[in-house]
Amino acid sequence: MTDAAHSTDPAAAYAGAPHIASEILWVLRQVRVARSFGTNDTEQSREFWLRKAAVFDRIAIEEVAIYTPQVAAKAVETAEAAARRLVEYDATHNGLSLRGSDIVTGEDCRAYVRREYLDWNRTRLH
């Protein structure tokens, strides 16, 4: 069995993750709850940003595997934007320093999401 942390398959980080549809519903519920309390997206938890970035990354991985680059481009762009939002959250709230970091491009941000999701999911399951 390949260790997901060392796999070249980007989807390996999501082994054992809930179905994409379940994660989309979870994200939407969090948005609805936050709005019902009058809070905005910037006040969401790290788990929200991580799971949102991960679900968009998973969708982009699937789109890239199935469609031409031009067709998959919007999914990749959306995944990169969501991943950057998690990186920004961690830089603001968790002391992540981007100075000298390998987190530069959109793909770097998506790789960061995969590492963080893998760690979060392992912790959550134990």
N, C-alpha and C. Protein backbone atom coordinates (compact mmCIF):
# COMPACT_ATOMS: atom_id res chain seq x y z
N MET A 1 0.84 -1.18 0.00
CA MET A 1 0.00 0.00 0.00
C MET A 1 0.88 1.24 0.00
N THR A 2 0.57 2.19 -0.86
CA THR A 2 1.36 3.40 -0.98
C THR A 2 0.95 4.40 0.08
N ASP A 3 1.94 5.03 0.72
CA ASP A 3 1.67 6.06 1.69
C ASP A 3 1.20 7.30 0.94
N ALA A 4 0.02 7.79 1.25
CA ALA A 4 -0.56 8.92 0.53
C ALA A 4 0.32 10.17 0.62
N ALA A 5 1.05 10.32 1.71
CA ALA A 5 1.90 11.49 1.86
C ALA A 5 3.05 11.49 0.87
N HIS A 6 3.42 10.32 0.35
CA HIS A 6 4.54 10.21 -0.58
C HIS A 6 4.11 9.79 -1.97
N SER A 7 2.85 9.76 -2.22
CA SER A 7 2.32 9.34 -3.51
C SER A 7 2.42 10.47 -4.53
N THR A 8 2.61 10.09 -5.78
CA THR A 8 2.59 11.09 -6.85
C THR A 8 1.17 11.31 -7.36
N ASP A 9 0.23 10.49 -6.91
CA ASP A 9 -1.18 10.64 -7.29
C ASP A 9 -1.82 11.68 -6.36
N PRO A 10 -2.23 12.84 -6.90
CA PRO A 10 -2.80 13.87 -6.02
C PRO A 10 -4.06 13.40 -5.29
N ALA A 11 -4.80 12.49 -5.88
CA ALA A 11 -6.03 12.01 -5.25
C ALA A 11 -5.76 11.13 -4.04
N ALA A 12 -4.53 10.64 -3.89
CA ALA A 12 -4.20 9.75 -2.77
C ALA A 12 -4.42 10.42 -1.42
N ALA A 13 -4.28 11.73 -1.36
CA ALA A 13 -4.49 12.45 -0.10
C ALA A 13 -5.92 12.35 0.38
N TYR A 14 -6.82 12.01 -0.53
CA TYR A 14 -8.24 11.97 -0.21
C TYR A 14 -8.78 10.55 -0.05
N ALA A 15 -7.89 9.58 0.04
CA ALA A 15 -8.32 8.20 0.27
C ALA A 15 -9.07 8.16 1.60
N GLY A 16 -10.23 7.56 1.58
CA GLY A 16 -11.03 7.46 2.80
C GLY A 16 -11.84 8.71 3.12
N ALA A 17 -11.75 9.72 2.26
CA ALA A 17 -12.53 10.94 2.48
C ALA A 17 -14.00 10.68 2.16
N PRO A 18 -14.88 11.44 2.77
CA PRO A 18 -16.30 11.31 2.42
C PRO A 18 -16.51 11.61 0.94
N HIS A 19 -17.61 11.15 0.40
CA HIS A 19 -17.94 11.43 -1.00
C HIS A 19 -17.97 12.94 -1.24
N ILE A 20 -17.65 13.33 -2.45
CA ILE A 20 -17.62 14.75 -2.82
C ILE A 20 -18.97 15.40 -2.53
N ALA A 21 -20.06 14.73 -2.89
CA ALA A 21 -21.39 15.30 -2.65
C ALA A 21 -21.62 15.56 -1.16
N SER A 22 -21.18 14.65 -0.31
CA SER A 22 -21.32 14.84 1.14
C SER A 22 -20.53 16.04 1.62
N GLU A 23 -19.35 16.21 1.07
CA GLU A 23 -18.52 17.35 1.48
C GLU A 23 -19.10 18.67 0.99
N ILE A 24 -19.65 18.67 -0.21
CA ILE A 24 -20.30 19.89 -0.71
C ILE A 24 -21.46 20.26 0.21
N LEU A 25 -22.25 19.27 0.59
CA LEU A 25 -23.37 19.54 1.50
C LEU A 25 -22.89 20.05 2.85
N TRP A 26 -21.80 19.50 3.36
CA TRP A 26 -21.24 19.96 4.63
C TRP A 26 -20.84 21.43 4.53
N VAL A 27 -20.13 21.78 3.45
CA VAL A 27 -19.70 23.17 3.24
C VAL A 27 -20.91 24.09 3.15
N LEU A 28 -21.91 23.71 2.39
CA LEU A 28 -23.11 24.53 2.25
C LEU A 28 -23.84 24.72 3.57
N ARG A 29 -23.90 23.65 4.38
CA ARG A 29 -24.53 23.76 5.70
C ARG A 29 -23.78 24.77 6.58
N GLN A 30 -22.46 24.74 6.52
CA GLN A 30 -21.66 25.67 7.33
C GLN A 30 -21.92 27.12 6.91
N VAL A 31 -22.03 27.33 5.60
CA VAL A 31 -22.33 28.68 5.10
C VAL A 31 -23.71 29.12 5.60
N ARG A 32 -24.68 28.23 5.49
CA ARG A 32 -26.04 28.56 5.92
C ARG A 32 -26.08 28.87 7.42
N VAL A 33 -25.41 28.07 8.22
CA VAL A 33 -25.39 28.30 9.67
C VAL A 33 -24.73 29.64 9.98
N ALA A 34 -23.59 29.91 9.34
CA ALA A 34 -22.88 31.16 9.59
C ALA A 34 -23.76 32.36 9.22
N ARG A 35 -24.42 32.27 8.10
CA ARG A 35 -25.27 33.39 7.66
C ARG A 35 -26.47 33.56 8.57
N SER A 36 -26.98 32.46 9.12
CA SER A 36 -28.13 32.58 10.03
C SER A 36 -27.75 33.29 11.32
N PHE A 37 -26.46 33.24 11.67
CA PHE A 37 -25.97 33.95 12.85
C PHE A 37 -25.40 35.32 12.51
N GLY A 38 -25.52 35.70 11.23
CA GLY A 38 -25.06 37.01 10.81
C GLY A 38 -23.55 37.12 10.63
N THR A 39 -22.87 35.99 10.55
CA THR A 39 -21.42 36.03 10.32
C THR A 39 -21.14 35.88 8.83
N ASN A 40 -19.97 36.31 8.44
CA ASN A 40 -19.61 36.20 7.03
C ASN A 40 -18.55 35.12 6.85
N ASP A 41 -18.20 34.86 5.61
CA ASP A 41 -17.26 33.78 5.31
C ASP A 41 -15.90 33.96 5.97
N THR A 42 -15.46 35.19 6.17
CA THR A 42 -14.14 35.39 6.76
C THR A 42 -14.07 34.90 8.20
N GLU A 43 -15.21 34.69 8.82
CA GLU A 43 -15.24 34.22 10.21
C GLU A 43 -15.39 32.71 10.31
N GLN A 44 -15.31 32.01 9.20
CA GLN A 44 -15.41 30.55 9.21
C GLN A 44 -14.17 29.93 9.85
N SER A 45 -14.31 28.68 10.27
CA SER A 45 -13.22 27.96 10.93
C SER A 45 -12.21 27.43 9.91
N ARG A 46 -11.08 27.00 10.41
CA ARG A 46 -10.07 26.39 9.55
C ARG A 46 -10.61 25.12 8.90
N GLU A 47 -11.37 24.34 9.67
CA GLU A 47 -11.94 23.13 9.10
C GLU A 47 -12.80 23.46 7.88
N PHE A 48 -13.56 24.53 7.94
CA PHE A 48 -14.37 24.94 6.80
C PHE A 48 -13.49 25.22 5.59
N TRP A 49 -12.46 26.04 5.77
CA TRP A 49 -11.60 26.40 4.64
C TRP A 49 -10.86 25.19 4.10
N LEU A 50 -10.43 24.30 4.98
CA LEU A 50 -9.72 23.09 4.56
C LEU A 50 -10.64 22.18 3.76
N ARG A 51 -11.81 21.91 4.29
CA ARG A 51 -12.73 21.00 3.60
C ARG A 51 -13.26 21.59 2.29
N LYS A 52 -13.47 22.90 2.28
CA LYS A 52 -13.89 23.56 1.05
C LYS A 52 -12.79 23.47 -0.01
N ALA A 53 -11.56 23.79 0.38
CA ALA A 53 -10.44 23.71 -0.57
C ALA A 53 -10.25 22.28 -1.05
N ALA A 54 -10.39 21.33 -0.15
CA ALA A 54 -10.20 19.92 -0.52
C ALA A 54 -11.26 19.45 -1.50
N VAL A 55 -12.50 19.84 -1.29
CA VAL A 55 -13.55 19.38 -2.21
C VAL A 55 -13.36 19.99 -3.59
N PHE A 56 -12.97 21.25 -3.66
CA PHE A 56 -12.70 21.85 -4.97
C PHE A 56 -11.47 21.22 -5.62
N ASP A 57 -10.49 20.88 -4.82
CA ASP A 57 -9.30 20.20 -5.36
C ASP A 57 -9.68 18.83 -5.92
N ARG A 58 -10.50 18.10 -5.19
CA ARG A 58 -10.94 16.78 -5.66
C ARG A 58 -11.71 16.88 -6.97
N ILE A 59 -12.58 17.87 -7.06
CA ILE A 59 -13.33 18.07 -8.30
C ILE A 59 -12.37 18.38 -9.45
N ALA A 60 -11.40 19.24 -9.20
CA ALA A 60 -10.43 19.60 -10.25
C ALA A 60 -9.59 18.39 -10.66
N ILE A 61 -9.20 17.57 -9.71
CA ILE A 61 -8.42 16.36 -10.03
C ILE A 61 -9.23 15.48 -10.97
N GLU A 62 -10.50 15.30 -10.66
CA GLU A 62 -11.35 14.47 -11.51
C GLU A 62 -11.54 15.09 -12.90
N GLU A 63 -11.75 16.39 -12.94
CA GLU A 63 -11.94 17.07 -14.23
C GLU A 63 -10.69 16.97 -15.10
N VAL A 64 -9.52 17.15 -14.50
CA VAL A 64 -8.26 17.05 -15.24
C VAL A 64 -8.08 15.64 -15.80
N ALA A 65 -8.49 14.65 -15.04
CA ALA A 65 -8.34 13.26 -15.49
C ALA A 65 -9.30 12.90 -16.63
N ILE A 66 -10.41 13.59 -16.70
CA ILE A 66 -11.45 13.23 -17.67
C ILE A 66 -11.45 14.13 -18.91
N TYR A 67 -11.26 15.42 -18.71
CA TYR A 67 -11.46 16.39 -19.78
C TYR A 67 -10.16 16.99 -20.29
N THR A 68 -10.26 17.71 -21.38
CA THR A 68 -9.11 18.42 -21.92
C THR A 68 -8.73 19.55 -20.97
N PRO A 69 -7.50 20.02 -21.06
CA PRO A 69 -7.08 21.12 -20.18
C PRO A 69 -7.98 22.36 -20.27
N GLN A 70 -8.45 22.67 -21.48
CA GLN A 70 -9.32 23.84 -21.63
C GLN A 70 -10.64 23.66 -20.88
N VAL A 71 -11.19 22.46 -20.93
CA VAL A 71 -12.46 22.19 -20.26
C VAL A 71 -12.26 22.16 -18.74
N ALA A 72 -11.16 21.62 -18.29
CA ALA A 72 -10.89 21.49 -16.85
C ALA A 72 -10.35 22.78 -16.23
N ALA A 73 -10.00 23.76 -17.04
CA ALA A 73 -9.33 24.97 -16.55
C ALA A 73 -10.12 25.70 -15.46
N LYS A 74 -11.42 25.82 -15.61
CA LYS A 74 -12.23 26.53 -14.62
C LYS A 74 -12.22 25.80 -13.27
N ALA A 75 -12.30 24.49 -13.30
CA ALA A 75 -12.25 23.71 -12.06
C ALA A 75 -10.90 23.88 -11.38
N VAL A 76 -9.83 23.89 -12.17
CA VAL A 76 -8.47 24.08 -11.61
C VAL A 76 -8.35 25.48 -11.02
N GLU A 77 -8.83 26.47 -11.74
CA GLU A 77 -8.78 27.85 -11.26
C GLU A 77 -9.54 28.01 -9.94
N THR A 78 -10.71 27.40 -9.86
CA THR A 78 -11.52 27.46 -8.65
C THR A 78 -10.82 26.74 -7.49
N ALA A 79 -10.21 25.59 -7.78
CA ALA A 79 -9.48 24.85 -6.75
C ALA A 79 -8.29 25.66 -6.24
N GLU A 80 -7.59 26.32 -7.15
CA GLU A 80 -6.45 27.14 -6.74
C GLU A 80 -6.89 28.31 -5.87
N ALA A 81 -8.01 28.95 -6.22
CA ALA A 81 -8.51 30.06 -5.42
C ALA A 81 -8.91 29.60 -4.01
N ALA A 82 -9.57 28.46 -3.92
CA ALA A 82 -9.97 27.92 -2.61
C ALA A 82 -8.73 27.52 -1.81
N ALA A 83 -7.75 26.97 -2.48
CA ALA A 83 -6.51 26.58 -1.79
C ALA A 83 -5.77 27.81 -1.27
N ARG A 84 -5.73 28.86 -2.08
CA ARG A 84 -5.09 30.11 -1.62
C ARG A 84 -5.80 30.67 -0.40
N ARG A 85 -7.11 30.50 -0.34
CA ARG A 85 -7.87 31.00 0.81
C ARG A 85 -7.47 30.25 2.08
N LEU A 86 -7.25 28.94 1.99
CA LEU A 86 -6.77 28.19 3.15
C LEU A 86 -5.37 28.66 3.54
N VAL A 87 -4.50 28.85 2.57
CA VAL A 87 -3.14 29.33 2.85
C VAL A 87 -3.21 30.70 3.55
N GLU A 88 -4.07 31.58 3.06
CA GLU A 88 -4.24 32.89 3.69
C GLU A 88 -4.75 32.75 5.13
N TYR A 89 -5.71 31.85 5.32
CA TYR A 89 -6.24 31.62 6.66
C TYR A 89 -5.12 31.16 7.59
N ASP A 90 -4.34 30.18 7.14
CA ASP A 90 -3.27 29.67 7.98
C ASP A 90 -2.18 30.71 8.23
N ALA A 91 -1.91 31.55 7.25
CA ALA A 91 -0.93 32.61 7.43
C ALA A 91 -1.43 33.63 8.46
N THR A 92 -2.72 33.89 8.46
CA THR A 92 -3.30 34.87 9.39
C THR A 92 -3.50 34.29 10.79
N HIS A 93 -3.98 33.05 10.88
CA HIS A 93 -4.40 32.49 12.16
C HIS A 93 -3.45 31.47 12.78
N ASN A 94 -2.67 30.80 11.98
CA ASN A 94 -1.88 29.69 12.51
C ASN A 94 -0.37 29.89 12.37
N GLY A 95 0.04 31.08 12.02
CA GLY A 95 1.47 31.36 11.97
C GLY A 95 2.20 30.80 10.77
N LEU A 96 1.47 30.37 9.75
CA LEU A 96 2.14 29.90 8.54
C LEU A 96 2.90 31.07 7.94
N SER A 97 4.18 30.89 7.72
CA SER A 97 4.98 31.94 7.12
C SER A 97 5.23 31.60 5.66
N LEU A 98 4.86 32.51 4.79
CA LEU A 98 5.06 32.29 3.37
C LEU A 98 6.44 32.77 2.92
N ARG A 99 7.17 33.42 3.80
CA ARG A 99 8.51 33.88 3.47
C ARG A 99 9.41 32.66 3.33
N GLY A 100 10.00 32.51 2.18
CA GLY A 100 10.89 31.38 1.93
C GLY A 100 10.14 30.06 1.79
N SER A 101 8.83 30.13 1.69
CA SER A 101 8.02 28.93 1.61
C SER A 101 7.96 28.41 0.19
N ASP A 102 7.63 27.15 0.08
CA ASP A 102 7.44 26.54 -1.24
C ASP A 102 6.02 26.78 -1.75
N ILE A 103 5.22 27.53 -1.01
CA ILE A 103 3.83 27.77 -1.40
C ILE A 103 3.79 29.07 -2.20
N VAL A 104 3.94 28.95 -3.51
CA VAL A 104 4.00 30.12 -4.38
C VAL A 104 2.90 30.07 -5.43
N THR A 105 2.85 29.00 -6.18
CA THR A 105 1.90 28.90 -7.29
C THR A 105 0.56 28.32 -6.82
N GLY A 106 -0.40 28.36 -7.70
CA GLY A 106 -1.69 27.74 -7.39
C GLY A 106 -1.55 26.25 -7.12
N GLU A 107 -0.69 25.59 -7.89
CA GLU A 107 -0.47 24.15 -7.66
C GLU A 107 0.21 23.90 -6.31
N ASP A 108 1.11 24.81 -5.91
CA ASP A 108 1.73 24.69 -4.58
C ASP A 108 0.66 24.77 -3.49
N CYS A 109 -0.27 25.70 -3.67
CA CYS A 109 -1.35 25.84 -2.70
C CYS A 109 -2.22 24.59 -2.65
N ARG A 110 -2.49 24.02 -3.82
CA ARG A 110 -3.29 22.79 -3.85
C ARG A 110 -2.52 21.64 -3.19
N ALA A 111 -1.22 21.56 -3.40
CA ALA A 111 -0.42 20.52 -2.74
C ALA A 111 -0.46 20.72 -1.22
N TYR A 112 -0.44 21.97 -0.77
CA TYR A 112 -0.54 22.29 0.65
C TYR A 112 -1.88 21.78 1.20
N VAL A 113 -2.96 22.02 0.46
CA VAL A 113 -4.27 21.54 0.88
C VAL A 113 -4.25 20.03 1.05
N ARG A 114 -3.65 19.33 0.09
CA ARG A 114 -3.60 17.87 0.16
C ARG A 114 -2.86 17.40 1.41
N ARG A 115 -1.72 18.01 1.70
CA ARG A 115 -0.95 17.61 2.90
C ARG A 115 -1.76 17.89 4.16
N GLU A 116 -2.35 19.07 4.22
CA GLU A 116 -3.11 19.45 5.40
C GLU A 116 -4.37 18.59 5.57
N TYR A 117 -5.04 18.27 4.46
CA TYR A 117 -6.22 17.42 4.53
C TYR A 117 -5.86 16.02 4.99
N LEU A 118 -4.77 15.50 4.45
CA LEU A 118 -4.32 14.17 4.84
C LEU A 118 -4.06 14.12 6.34
N ASP A 119 -3.35 15.11 6.86
CA ASP A 119 -3.08 15.18 8.31
C ASP A 119 -4.37 15.32 9.10
N TRP A 120 -5.26 16.20 8.65
CA TRP A 120 -6.53 16.41 9.35
C TRP A 120 -7.36 15.15 9.35
N ASN A 121 -7.45 14.50 8.22
CA ASN A 121 -8.28 13.29 8.10
C ASN A 121 -7.73 12.16 8.97
N ARG A 122 -6.41 12.02 9.01
CA ARG A 122 -5.81 10.98 9.86
C ARG A 122 -6.12 11.26 11.32
N THR A 123 -6.01 12.50 11.74
CA THR A 123 -6.29 12.88 13.13
C THR A 123 -7.76 12.67 13.47
N ARG A 124 -8.62 13.03 12.53
CA ARG A 124 -10.06 12.91 12.73
C ARG A 124 -10.49 11.46 12.89
N LEU A 125 -9.83 10.56 12.17
CA LEU A 125 -10.22 9.16 12.19
C LEU A 125 -9.64 8.38 13.37
N HIS A 126 -8.75 9.00 14.12
CA HIS A 126 -8.13 8.28 15.25
C HIS A 126 -8.46 8.90 16.56
